[in-house]
Amino acid sequence: MPEDSQTKLADQESLLAGQKCVLEMIATGASLPNVLDVLSRTIEEQSRGMLDPPS
């Protein structure tokens, strides 16, 4: 598998894991601050490099 495909697959798996974690937290009644913390960390992980200035 080419490196780009591996990176894309890893990103997709990471996003799904983050979504699953957030949904499980909501389903089990976790506190809103904890859910929002995990949600924001998941979003930050997915958006790495997006805000970097062009080189």
Protein backbone atom coordinates (compact mmCIF):
# COMPACT_ATOMS: atom_id res chain seq x y z
CA MET A 1 0.00 0.00 0.00
CA PRO A 2 1.47 3.43 -0.93
CA GLU A 3 2.42 5.73 1.93
CA ASP A 4 -0.30 8.26 1.05
CA SER A 5 -2.95 5.52 1.21
CA GLN A 6 -1.58 4.32 4.55
CA THR A 7 -1.67 7.83 5.95
CA LYS A 8 -5.23 8.36 4.72
CA LEU A 9 -6.33 5.03 6.20
CA ALA A 10 -4.67 5.84 9.53
CA ASP A 11 -6.42 9.24 9.58
CA GLN A 12 -9.79 7.62 8.87
CA GLU A 13 -9.26 5.03 11.60
CA SER A 14 -8.26 7.73 14.06
CA LEU A 15 -11.37 9.76 13.26
CA LEU A 16 -13.63 6.73 13.68
CA ALA A 17 -11.99 5.91 17.02
CA GLY A 18 -12.54 9.48 18.20
CA GLN A 19 -16.17 9.43 17.09
CA LYS A 20 -16.75 6.12 18.84
CA CYS A 21 -15.19 7.40 22.04
CA VAL A 22 -17.32 10.56 22.05
CA LEU A 23 -20.51 8.62 21.35
CA GLU A 24 -19.74 6.10 24.09
CA MET A 25 -19.12 8.94 26.53
CA ILE A 26 -22.46 10.53 25.66
CA ALA A 27 -24.27 7.17 25.91
CA THR A 28 -22.82 6.45 29.34
CA GLY A 29 -23.60 9.91 30.72
CA ALA A 30 -20.11 11.37 30.91
CA SER A 31 -19.94 15.00 31.97
CA LEU A 32 -20.23 17.62 29.24
CA PRO A 33 -16.77 19.10 29.93
CA ASN A 34 -15.17 15.66 29.51
CA VAL A 35 -17.09 14.96 26.30
CA LEU A 36 -16.15 18.36 24.88
CA ASP A 37 -12.51 17.81 25.82
CA VAL A 38 -12.34 14.52 23.93
CA LEU A 39 -14.29 15.99 21.01
CA SER A 40 -11.97 18.98 20.71
CA ARG A 41 -8.87 16.77 20.92
CA THR A 42 -10.27 14.56 18.17
CA ILE A 43 -10.90 17.59 15.97
CA GLU A 44 -7.43 18.99 16.68
CA GLU A 45 -5.84 15.68 15.75
CA GLN A 46 -7.72 15.59 12.45
CA SER A 47 -6.86 19.17 11.55
CA ARG A 48 -3.11 18.99 12.19
CA GLY A 49 -1.26 21.06 9.66
CA MET A 50 -4.36 22.82 8.34
CA LEU A 51 -3.55 26.09 10.04
CA ASP A 52 0.16 26.10 9.25
CA PRO A 53 1.21 29.00 7.04
CA PRO A 54 2.18 28.01 3.50
CA SER A 55 5.89 27.55 2.99
